[in-house]
Amino acid sequence: MIDLTSYLLPVALLAAFPIAGMLIDGLDRKITARMQSRVGPPIVQPLYDFFKLLGKEDFAVNPYTVIFAFAHLAFTITSAAILLLGGDLIVFFFTIALAEIFYILGGFSTRSPYAHLGSGRALAQFIAIETLFLFVIWLMGYVSATYIIAEIVKTQVPLIVRLPFSFIVLGIILLVKMEKSPFDIPTAKGEIIAGPLQEYTGRWLALFKLAHWFIIPLLMAIIYIFLLPYWYLGVFALVIVFLIILTIDNIATRLTYQDLIRFSFRWGILLVVLDIIKVILWKF
């Protein structure tokens, strides 16, 4: 007989993910405003914006835009479910990568030159960042001798001790996924307004917003795993990483997508290689 009680906590956490993502988004706006000597909106402003989108008139350029919006959200929620249920780390990587692919296809499915430009930049960013993420996922499984998340979290030696440079790479990936400077390249509001989401309105745009609220806590959960079994250090690390990201966002200027690719394959790969060398030396 299936023990349903074992699924209660993962289901509750899954429901809490978008709430956490919304609050992170609200704190982001509030803290950024304070850094710029402004009052800023209330922390729950993203929730108000979300319900405002649900109340707006829907407009779909073609049926594919709606399909890609639903697919993006569906694969994002699937990724969250895999993580919370302690599933396979490789499967988690591919589901979250598929969610990103549908986000890119959503922009390409319209005729807007801004959406095409944003999706082109998002594709270049996808190649650069997901390559780094795949290396980090591989190293996490390699040093843990398993790719099952439920087993990885039971490790007695924190992953940050074995993979300190991969932890830095995860911070960079989070910076990119939060669409913060200098890596807010696909959405570049001053240049291409909303990037791949240029032609989305109403509920269909709200679906992407909801998916974004899942993605940020997802990546923060991976960072948190690096500090286990010391959960309090994980919470402290998340706060520090979040504040560092907001600081960088407020002092850095936007890079071009060519700069991002060079940065990823030069410095990102270097950090990963350093961890690979460290793992090899650890075994001896």
C-alpha atoms as a PDB file:
ATOM      1  CA  MET A   1       0.000   0.000   0.000  1.00  0.00           C
ATOM      2  CA  ILE A   2       1.281   3.473  -0.866  1.00  0.00           C
ATOM      3  CA  ASP A   3       2.042   5.611   2.166  1.00  0.00           C
ATOM      4  CA  LEU A   4       0.367   8.893   1.264  1.00  0.00           C
ATOM      5  CA  THR A   5       1.753  10.642   4.348  1.00  0.00           C
ATOM      6  CA  SER A   6       5.253  10.489   2.845  1.00  0.00           C
ATOM      7  CA  TYR A   7       4.018  12.693  -0.007  1.00  0.00           C
ATOM      8  CA  LEU A   8       2.319  15.313   2.159  1.00  0.00           C
ATOM      9  CA  LEU A   9       5.485  17.330   2.854  1.00  0.00           C
ATOM     10  CA  PRO A  10       6.674  17.380  -0.812  1.00  0.00           C
ATOM     11  CA  VAL A  11       3.185  18.437  -1.961  1.00  0.00           C
ATOM     12  CA  ALA A  12       3.054  21.183   0.693  1.00  0.00           C
ATOM     13  CA  LEU A  13       6.518  22.404  -0.335  1.00  0.00           C
ATOM     14  CA  LEU A  14       5.520  22.315  -3.999  1.00  0.00           C
ATOM     15  CA  ALA A  15       2.550  24.535  -3.211  1.00  0.00           C
ATOM     16  CA  ALA A  16       4.863  26.830  -1.204  1.00  0.00           C
ATOM     17  CA  PHE A  17       7.367  27.239  -4.056  1.00  0.00           C
ATOM     18  CA  PRO A  18       5.430  29.909  -6.023  1.00  0.00           C
ATOM     19  CA  ILE A  19       4.659  31.736  -2.768  1.00  0.00           C
ATOM     20  CA  ALA A  20       8.375  31.764  -1.937  1.00  0.00           C
ATOM     21  CA  GLY A  21       9.185  32.883  -5.484  1.00  0.00           C
ATOM     22  CA  MET A  22       6.661  35.713  -5.252  1.00  0.00           C
ATOM     23  CA  LEU A  23       8.080  36.900  -1.921  1.00  0.00           C
ATOM     24  CA  ILE A  24      11.637  36.718  -3.278  1.00  0.00           C
ATOM     25  CA  ASP A  25      10.511  38.819  -6.244  1.00  0.00           C
ATOM     26  CA  GLY A  26       8.876  41.319  -3.887  1.00  0.00           C
ATOM     27  CA  LEU A  27      11.934  41.509  -1.624  1.00  0.00           C
ATOM     28  CA  ASP A  28      14.051  41.978  -4.730  1.00  0.00           C
ATOM     29  CA  ARG A  29      12.037  45.072  -5.731  1.00  0.00           C
ATOM     30  CA  LYS A  30      11.946  46.445  -2.195  1.00  0.00           C
ATOM     31  CA  ILE A  31      15.662  46.034  -1.440  1.00  0.00           C
ATOM     32  CA  THR A  32      16.639  47.331  -4.885  1.00  0.00           C
ATOM     33  CA  ALA A  33      14.490  50.414  -4.291  1.00  0.00           C
ATOM     34  CA  ARG A  34      16.189  51.007  -0.941  1.00  0.00           C
ATOM     35  CA  MET A  35      19.609  50.697  -2.574  1.00  0.00           C
ATOM     36  CA  GLN A  36      18.515  53.407  -5.016  1.00  0.00           C
ATOM     37  CA  SER A  37      17.125  55.650  -2.223  1.00  0.00           C
ATOM     38  CA  ARG A  38      13.507  54.934  -3.157  1.00  0.00           C
ATOM     39  CA  VAL A  39      10.626  53.617  -1.062  1.00  0.00           C
ATOM     40  CA  GLY A  40       9.668  50.897  -3.496  1.00  0.00           C
ATOM     41  CA  PRO A  41       6.437  48.870  -3.872  1.00  0.00           C
ATOM     42  CA  PRO A  42       5.036  46.594  -1.146  1.00  0.00           C
ATOM     43  CA  ILE A  43       6.598  43.133  -0.931  1.00  0.00           C
ATOM     44  CA  VAL A  44       3.386  41.499  -2.202  1.00  0.00           C
ATOM     45  CA  GLN A  45       3.238  43.767  -5.289  1.00  0.00           C
ATOM     46  CA  PRO A  46       4.171  40.850  -7.629  1.00  0.00           C
ATOM     47  CA  LEU A  47       1.047  39.047  -6.420  1.00  0.00           C
ATOM     48  CA  TYR A  48      -1.078  42.103  -7.237  1.00  0.00           C
ATOM     49  CA  ASP A  49       0.516  42.243 -10.687  1.00  0.00           C
ATOM     50  CA  PHE A  50      -0.179  38.525 -11.213  1.00  0.00           C
ATOM     51  CA  PHE A  51      -3.901  38.865 -10.450  1.00  0.00           C
ATOM     52  CA  LYS A  52      -4.022  41.994 -12.603  1.00  0.00           C
ATOM     53  CA  LEU A  53      -2.702  39.921 -15.528  1.00  0.00           C
ATOM     54  CA  LEU A  54      -5.361  37.278 -14.917  1.00  0.00           C
ATOM     55  CA  GLY A  55      -8.012  39.977 -15.226  1.00  0.00           C
ATOM     56  CA  LYS A  56      -6.714  41.403 -18.491  1.00  0.00           C
ATOM     57  CA  GLU A  57      -7.987  40.479 -21.935  1.00  0.00           C
ATOM     58  CA  ASP A  58      -6.242  37.466 -23.415  1.00  0.00           C
ATOM     59  CA  PHE A  59      -4.655  37.756 -26.806  1.00  0.00           C
ATOM     60  CA  ALA A  60      -2.793  34.932 -28.538  1.00  0.00           C
ATOM     61  CA  VAL A  61      -0.890  35.623 -31.763  1.00  0.00           C
ATOM     62  CA  ASN A  62      -1.308  31.939 -32.671  1.00  0.00           C
ATOM     63  CA  PRO A  63      -2.192  28.682 -30.874  1.00  0.00           C
ATOM     64  CA  TYR A  64       1.471  27.737 -30.477  1.00  0.00           C
ATOM     65  CA  THR A  65       2.170  30.629 -28.117  1.00  0.00           C
ATOM     66  CA  VAL A  66      -0.418  29.243 -25.684  1.00  0.00           C
ATOM     67  CA  ILE A  67       0.954  25.691 -25.987  1.00  0.00           C
ATOM     68  CA  PHE A  68       4.501  26.877 -25.276  1.00  0.00           C
ATOM     69  CA  ALA A  69       3.316  28.884 -22.256  1.00  0.00           C
ATOM     70  CA  PHE A  70       1.587  25.844 -20.728  1.00  0.00           C
ATOM     71  CA  ALA A  71       4.521  23.562 -21.589  1.00  0.00           C
ATOM     72  CA  HIS A  72       6.995  25.946 -19.954  1.00  0.00           C
ATOM     73  CA  LEU A  73       4.972  25.983 -16.733  1.00  0.00           C
ATOM     74  CA  ALA A  74       4.293  22.230 -16.801  1.00  0.00           C
ATOM     75  CA  PHE A  75       7.957  21.248 -17.129  1.00  0.00           C
ATOM     76  CA  THR A  76       8.952  23.796 -14.480  1.00  0.00           C
ATOM     77  CA  ILE A  77       6.469  22.294 -11.999  1.00  0.00           C
ATOM     78  CA  THR A  78       7.661  18.806 -12.973  1.00  0.00           C
ATOM     79  CA  SER A  79      11.240  19.842 -12.166  1.00  0.00           C
ATOM     80  CA  ALA A  80      10.126  21.090  -8.759  1.00  0.00           C
ATOM     81  CA  ALA A  81       8.259  17.832  -8.096  1.00  0.00           C
ATOM     82  CA  ILE A  82      11.309  15.739  -9.037  1.00  0.00           C
ATOM     83  CA  LEU A  83      13.511  17.761  -6.673  1.00  0.00           C
ATOM     84  CA  LEU A  84      11.082  17.631  -3.745  1.00  0.00           C
ATOM     85  CA  LEU A  85      10.413  13.904  -4.171  1.00  0.00           C
ATOM     86  CA  GLY A  86      14.153  13.214  -4.156  1.00  0.00           C
ATOM     87  CA  GLY A  87      14.238  11.955  -7.728  1.00  0.00           C
ATOM     88  CA  ASP A  88      17.040  11.674 -10.252  1.00  0.00           C
ATOM     89  CA  LEU A  89      19.268  14.747 -10.606  1.00  0.00           C
ATOM     90  CA  ILE A  90      19.856  14.125 -14.321  1.00  0.00           C
ATOM     91  CA  VAL A  91      16.112  13.922 -15.006  1.00  0.00           C
ATOM     92  CA  PHE A  92      15.702  17.135 -13.012  1.00  0.00           C
ATOM     93  CA  PHE A  93      18.275  18.854 -15.220  1.00  0.00           C
ATOM     94  CA  PHE A  94      16.603  17.810 -18.473  1.00  0.00           C
ATOM     95  CA  THR A  95      13.096  18.786 -17.355  1.00  0.00           C
ATOM     96  CA  ILE A  96      14.201  22.268 -16.292  1.00  0.00           C
ATOM     97  CA  ALA A  97      16.158  22.557 -19.565  1.00  0.00           C
ATOM     98  CA  LEU A  98      13.016  21.614 -21.513  1.00  0.00           C
ATOM     99  CA  ALA A  99      11.108  24.331 -19.672  1.00  0.00           C
ATOM    100  CA  GLU A 100      13.712  26.850 -20.853  1.00  0.00           C
ATOM    101  CA  ILE A 101      13.471  25.551 -24.425  1.00  0.00           C
ATOM    102  CA  PHE A 102       9.689  26.113 -24.482  1.00  0.00           C
ATOM    103  CA  TYR A 103      10.278  29.632 -23.146  1.00  0.00           C
ATOM    104  CA  ILE A 104      12.589  30.297 -26.098  1.00  0.00           C
ATOM    105  CA  LEU A 105      10.177  28.711 -28.588  1.00  0.00           C
ATOM    106  CA  GLY A 106       7.421  30.935 -27.233  1.00  0.00           C
ATOM    107  CA  GLY A 107       9.322  33.973 -28.472  1.00  0.00           C
ATOM    108  CA  PHE A 108      10.208  32.434 -31.812  1.00  0.00           C
ATOM    109  CA  SER A 109       6.552  31.471 -32.412  1.00  0.00           C
ATOM    110  CA  THR A 110       5.564  35.133 -32.839  1.00  0.00           C
ATOM    111  CA  ARG A 111       6.379  37.589 -35.609  1.00  0.00           C
ATOM    112  CA  SER A 112       7.705  40.317 -33.341  1.00  0.00           C
ATOM    113  CA  PRO A 113      11.317  41.259 -34.146  1.00  0.00           C
ATOM    114  CA  TYR A 114      11.813  42.094 -30.449  1.00  0.00           C
ATOM    115  CA  ALA A 115      10.625  38.628 -29.428  1.00  0.00           C
ATOM    116  CA  HIS A 116      12.884  36.986 -32.020  1.00  0.00           C
ATOM    117  CA  LEU A 117      15.859  39.014 -30.859  1.00  0.00           C
ATOM    118  CA  GLY A 118      15.140  38.178 -27.234  1.00  0.00           C
ATOM    119  CA  SER A 119      14.717  34.472 -28.005  1.00  0.00           C
ATOM    120  CA  GLY A 120      17.961  34.470 -29.983  1.00  0.00           C
ATOM    121  CA  ARG A 121      19.761  35.937 -26.996  1.00  0.00           C
ATOM    122  CA  ALA A 122      17.989  33.490 -24.679  1.00  0.00           C
ATOM    123  CA  LEU A 123      19.159  30.602 -26.865  1.00  0.00           C
ATOM    124  CA  ALA A 124      22.773  31.768 -26.700  1.00  0.00           C
ATOM    125  CA  GLN A 125      22.401  32.174 -22.926  1.00  0.00           C
ATOM    126  CA  PHE A 126      20.830  28.707 -22.696  1.00  0.00           C
ATOM    127  CA  ILE A 127      23.793  27.072 -24.434  1.00  0.00           C
ATOM    128  CA  ALA A 128      26.302  28.836 -22.195  1.00  0.00           C
ATOM    129  CA  ILE A 129      24.554  28.510 -18.832  1.00  0.00           C
ATOM    130  CA  GLU A 130      23.018  25.052 -19.188  1.00  0.00           C
ATOM    131  CA  THR A 131      26.433  23.691 -20.135  1.00  0.00           C
ATOM    132  CA  LEU A 132      27.813  24.953 -16.832  1.00  0.00           C
ATOM    133  CA  PHE A 133      24.749  23.660 -14.965  1.00  0.00           C
ATOM    134  CA  LEU A 134      25.192  20.202 -16.497  1.00  0.00           C
ATOM    135  CA  PHE A 135      28.819  20.086 -15.325  1.00  0.00           C
ATOM    136  CA  VAL A 136      27.738  21.074 -11.804  1.00  0.00           C
ATOM    137  CA  ILE A 137      25.002  18.391 -11.801  1.00  0.00           C
ATOM    138  CA  TRP A 138      27.515  15.797 -12.986  1.00  0.00           C
ATOM    139  CA  LEU A 139      30.004  16.737 -10.271  1.00  0.00           C
ATOM    140  CA  MET A 140      27.307  16.644  -7.577  1.00  0.00           C
ATOM    141  CA  GLY A 141      26.406  13.095  -8.547  1.00  0.00           C
ATOM    142  CA  TYR A 142      30.013  12.018  -9.015  1.00  0.00           C
ATOM    143  CA  VAL A 143      31.263  13.070  -5.580  1.00  0.00           C
ATOM    144  CA  SER A 144      28.096  11.705  -3.939  1.00  0.00           C
ATOM    145  CA  ALA A 145      28.344   8.390  -5.834  1.00  0.00           C
ATOM    146  CA  THR A 146      24.658   8.748  -6.730  1.00  0.00           C
ATOM    147  CA  TYR A 147      22.361  10.978  -8.744  1.00  0.00           C
ATOM    148  CA  ILE A 148      19.359  10.318  -6.521  1.00  0.00           C
ATOM    149  CA  ILE A 149      18.606  13.592  -4.736  1.00  0.00           C
ATOM    150  CA  ALA A 150      17.187  11.821  -1.672  1.00  0.00           C
ATOM    151  CA  GLU A 151      20.582  10.140  -1.182  1.00  0.00           C
ATOM    152  CA  ILE A 152      22.665  13.233  -1.957  1.00  0.00           C
ATOM    153  CA  VAL A 153      21.004  15.242   0.840  1.00  0.00           C
ATOM    154  CA  LYS A 154      22.061  12.559   3.353  1.00  0.00           C
ATOM    155  CA  THR A 155      25.769  13.182   2.770  1.00  0.00           C
ATOM    156  CA  GLN A 156      27.805  13.854   5.901  1.00  0.00           C
ATOM    157  CA  VAL A 157      30.358  16.068   4.147  1.00  0.00           C
ATOM    158  CA  PRO A 158      28.774  19.259   2.708  1.00  0.00           C
ATOM    159  CA  LEU A 159      29.088  19.491  -1.059  1.00  0.00           C
ATOM    160  CA  ILE A 160      30.489  23.000  -0.704  1.00  0.00           C
ATOM    161  CA  VAL A 161      33.589  21.459   0.913  1.00  0.00           C
ATOM    162  CA  ARG A 162      34.131  19.133  -2.034  1.00  0.00           C
ATOM    163  CA  LEU A 163      32.882  21.470  -4.766  1.00  0.00           C
ATOM    164  CA  PRO A 164      33.530  25.066  -3.637  1.00  0.00           C
ATOM    165  CA  PHE A 165      33.992  26.415  -7.170  1.00  0.00           C
ATOM    166  CA  SER A 166      30.779  24.752  -8.383  1.00  0.00           C
ATOM    167  CA  PHE A 167      29.005  26.633  -5.606  1.00  0.00           C
ATOM    168  CA  ILE A 168      30.245  29.889  -7.154  1.00  0.00           C
ATOM    169  CA  VAL A 169      29.056  28.697 -10.583  1.00  0.00           C
ATOM    170  CA  LEU A 170      25.602  28.036  -9.111  1.00  0.00           C
ATOM    171  CA  GLY A 171      25.544  31.619  -7.836  1.00  0.00           C
ATOM    172  CA  ILE A 172      26.303  32.840 -11.373  1.00  0.00           C
ATOM    173  CA  ILE A 173      23.540  30.622 -12.787  1.00  0.00           C
ATOM    174  CA  LEU A 174      21.081  32.018 -10.234  1.00  0.00           C
ATOM    175  CA  LEU A 175      22.116  35.551 -11.219  1.00  0.00           C
ATOM    176  CA  VAL A 176      21.329  34.726 -14.857  1.00  0.00           C
ATOM    177  CA  LYS A 177      18.017  33.004 -14.102  1.00  0.00           C
ATOM    178  CA  MET A 178      16.865  35.950 -11.987  1.00  0.00           C
ATOM    179  CA  GLU A 179      17.496  38.133 -15.079  1.00  0.00           C
ATOM    180  CA  LYS A 180      19.812  40.474 -13.215  1.00  0.00           C
ATOM    181  CA  SER A 181      22.573  42.707 -14.565  1.00  0.00           C
ATOM    182  CA  PRO A 182      24.979  42.090 -16.117  1.00  0.00           C
ATOM    183  CA  PHE A 183      23.128  39.034 -17.451  1.00  0.00           C
ATOM    184  CA  ASP A 184      19.599  40.369 -18.091  1.00  0.00           C
ATOM    185  CA  ILE A 185      20.302  39.897 -21.785  1.00  0.00           C
ATOM    186  CA  PRO A 186      17.154  38.249 -23.253  1.00  0.00           C
ATOM    187  CA  THR A 187      14.709  40.645 -21.583  1.00  0.00           C
ATOM    188  CA  ALA A 188      16.882  43.828 -21.695  1.00  0.00           C
ATOM    189  CA  LYS A 189      14.060  46.248 -20.927  1.00  0.00           C
ATOM    190  CA  GLY A 190      15.901  49.295 -22.215  1.00  0.00           C
ATOM    191  CA  GLU A 191      16.551  47.661 -25.585  1.00  0.00           C
ATOM    192  CA  ILE A 192      13.962  45.031 -26.490  1.00  0.00           C
ATOM    193  CA  ILE A 193      11.308  45.731 -23.837  1.00  0.00           C
ATOM    194  CA  ALA A 194      10.302  42.173 -22.796  1.00  0.00           C
ATOM    195  CA  GLY A 195      12.305  39.913 -25.075  1.00  0.00           C
ATOM    196  CA  PRO A 196      10.692  36.521 -25.766  1.00  0.00           C
ATOM    197  CA  LEU A 197       7.525  37.552 -23.884  1.00  0.00           C
ATOM    198  CA  GLN A 198       6.916  40.636 -26.030  1.00  0.00           C
ATOM    199  CA  GLU A 199       3.682  39.309 -27.585  1.00  0.00           C
ATOM    200  CA  TYR A 200       2.255  37.665 -24.457  1.00  0.00           C
ATOM    201  CA  THR A 201      -0.609  39.258 -22.523  1.00  0.00           C
ATOM    202  CA  GLY A 202      -3.159  38.385 -19.855  1.00  0.00           C
ATOM    203  CA  ARG A 203      -3.269  34.827 -18.548  1.00  0.00           C
ATOM    204  CA  TRP A 204      -0.620  33.577 -20.943  1.00  0.00           C
ATOM    205  CA  LEU A 205       1.914  36.072 -19.606  1.00  0.00           C
ATOM    206  CA  ALA A 206       0.802  35.177 -16.067  1.00  0.00           C
ATOM    207  CA  LEU A 207       1.779  31.554 -16.748  1.00  0.00           C
ATOM    208  CA  PHE A 208       5.372  32.632 -17.416  1.00  0.00           C
ATOM    209  CA  LYS A 209       5.377  34.775 -14.278  1.00  0.00           C
ATOM    210  CA  LEU A 210       4.163  31.798 -12.248  1.00  0.00           C
ATOM    211  CA  ALA A 211       6.847  29.552 -13.757  1.00  0.00           C
ATOM    212  CA  HIS A 212       9.484  32.140 -12.842  1.00  0.00           C
ATOM    213  CA  TRP A 213       8.321  31.943  -9.219  1.00  0.00           C
ATOM    214  CA  PHE A 214       9.068  28.201  -9.319  1.00  0.00           C
ATOM    215  CA  ILE A 215      12.468  28.463 -11.022  1.00  0.00           C
ATOM    216  CA  ILE A 216      14.142  30.820  -8.527  1.00  0.00           C
ATOM    217  CA  PRO A 217      13.332  28.727  -5.406  1.00  0.00           C
ATOM    218  CA  LEU A 218      14.373  25.633  -7.387  1.00  0.00           C
ATOM    219  CA  LEU A 219      17.881  26.957  -7.972  1.00  0.00           C
ATOM    220  CA  MET A 220      18.072  28.237  -4.402  1.00  0.00           C
ATOM    221  CA  ALA A 221      17.177  24.715  -3.248  1.00  0.00           C
ATOM    222  CA  ILE A 222      20.174  23.339  -5.163  1.00  0.00           C
ATOM    223  CA  ILE A 223      22.397  25.929  -3.482  1.00  0.00           C
ATOM    224  CA  TYR A 224      20.845  24.924  -0.133  1.00  0.00           C
ATOM    225  CA  ILE A 225      21.723  21.249  -0.778  1.00  0.00           C
ATOM    226  CA  PHE A 226      25.385  22.267  -1.015  1.00  0.00           C
ATOM    227  CA  LEU A 227      25.335  23.255   2.689  1.00  0.00           C
ATOM    228  CA  LEU A 228      23.566  20.173   4.065  1.00  0.00           C
ATOM    229  CA  PRO A 229      23.586  18.640   6.660  1.00  0.00           C
ATOM    230  CA  TYR A 230      24.086  22.099   8.220  1.00  0.00           C
ATOM    231  CA  TRP A 231      20.676  23.538   7.288  1.00  0.00           C
ATOM    232  CA  TYR A 232      21.233  26.791   9.203  1.00  0.00           C
ATOM    233  CA  LEU A 233      24.353  27.477   7.126  1.00  0.00           C
ATOM    234  CA  GLY A 234      22.244  26.849   4.036  1.00  0.00           C
ATOM    235  CA  VAL A 235      19.710  29.487   5.056  1.00  0.00           C
ATOM    236  CA  PHE A 236      22.501  31.948   5.875  1.00  0.00           C
ATOM    237  CA  ALA A 237      24.221  31.242   2.525  1.00  0.00           C
ATOM    238  CA  LEU A 238      20.993  31.850   0.596  1.00  0.00           C
ATOM    239  CA  VAL A 239      20.538  35.249   2.259  1.00  0.00           C
ATOM    240  CA  ILE A 240      24.141  36.234   1.494  1.00  0.00           C
ATOM    241  CA  VAL A 241      23.934  35.025  -2.129  1.00  0.00           C
ATOM    242  CA  PHE A 242      20.651  36.913  -2.606  1.00  0.00           C
ATOM    243  CA  LEU A 243      22.122  40.171  -1.276  1.00  0.00           C
ATOM    244  CA  ILE A 244      25.261  39.762  -3.410  1.00  0.00           C
ATOM    245  CA  ILE A 245      23.102  39.256  -6.521  1.00  0.00           C
ATOM    246  CA  LEU A 246      21.087  42.412  -5.792  1.00  0.00           C
ATOM    247  CA  THR A 247      24.291  44.385  -5.210  1.00  0.00           C
ATOM    248  CA  ILE A 248      25.766  43.197  -8.511  1.00  0.00           C
ATOM    249  CA  ASP A 249      22.491  44.028 -10.274  1.00  0.00           C
ATOM    250  CA  ASN A 250      22.667  47.619  -9.021  1.00  0.00           C
ATOM    251  CA  ILE A 251      26.325  48.285  -9.836  1.00  0.00           C
ATOM    252  CA  ALA A 252      26.895  46.305 -13.046  1.00  0.00           C
ATOM    253  CA  THR A 253      26.090  47.241 -16.621  1.00  0.00           C
ATOM    254  CA  ARG A 254      24.576  44.768 -19.053  1.00  0.00           C
ATOM    255  CA  LEU A 255      26.876  42.517 -21.056  1.00  0.00           C
ATOM    256  CA  THR A 256      26.232  41.450 -24.636  1.00  0.00           C
ATOM    257  CA  TYR A 257      25.326  37.825 -25.280  1.00  0.00           C
ATOM    258  CA  GLN A 258      28.779  37.371 -26.858  1.00  0.00           C
ATOM    259  CA  ASP A 259      30.333  38.551 -23.593  1.00  0.00           C
ATOM    260  CA  LEU A 260      28.166  36.091 -21.670  1.00  0.00           C
ATOM    261  CA  ILE A 261      29.293  33.180 -23.844  1.00  0.00           C
ATOM    262  CA  ARG A 262      32.942  34.176 -23.449  1.00  0.00           C
ATOM    263  CA  PHE A 263      32.494  34.623 -19.704  1.00  0.00           C
ATOM    264  CA  SER A 264      30.777  31.237 -19.317  1.00  0.00           C
ATOM    265  CA  PHE A 265      33.206  29.204 -21.390  1.00  0.00           C
ATOM    266  CA  ARG A 266      36.260  30.985 -20.030  1.00  0.00           C
ATOM    267  CA  TRP A 267      35.703  31.617 -16.333  1.00  0.00           C
ATOM    268  CA  GLY A 268      32.764  29.267 -15.728  1.00  0.00           C
ATOM    269  CA  ILE A 269      34.519  26.274 -17.272  1.00  0.00           C
ATOM    270  CA  LEU A 270      37.707  27.240 -15.417  1.00  0.00           C
ATOM    271  CA  LEU A 271      35.864  27.053 -12.083  1.00  0.00           C
ATOM    272  CA  VAL A 272      34.389  23.676 -13.011  1.00  0.00           C
ATOM    273  CA  VAL A 273      37.811  22.348 -14.062  1.00  0.00           C
ATOM    274  CA  LEU A 274      39.270  23.486 -10.744  1.00  0.00           C
ATOM    275  CA  ASP A 275      36.634  21.415  -8.965  1.00  0.00           C
ATOM    276  CA  ILE A 276      37.380  18.415 -11.197  1.00  0.00           C
ATOM    277  CA  ILE A 277      41.071  18.683 -10.256  1.00  0.00           C
ATOM    278  CA  LYS A 278      40.104  19.036  -6.587  1.00  0.00           C
ATOM    279  CA  VAL A 279      37.914  15.907  -6.783  1.00  0.00           C
ATOM    280  CA  ILE A 280      40.757  13.927  -8.356  1.00  0.00           C
ATOM    281  CA  LEU A 281      43.185  15.051  -5.660  1.00  0.00           C
ATOM    282  CA  TRP A 282      40.554  14.300  -2.964  1.00  0.00           C
ATOM    283  CA  LYS A 283      40.501  10.657  -4.040  1.00  0.00           C
ATOM    284  CA  PHE A 284      44.238  10.368  -3.576  1.00  0.00           C
END
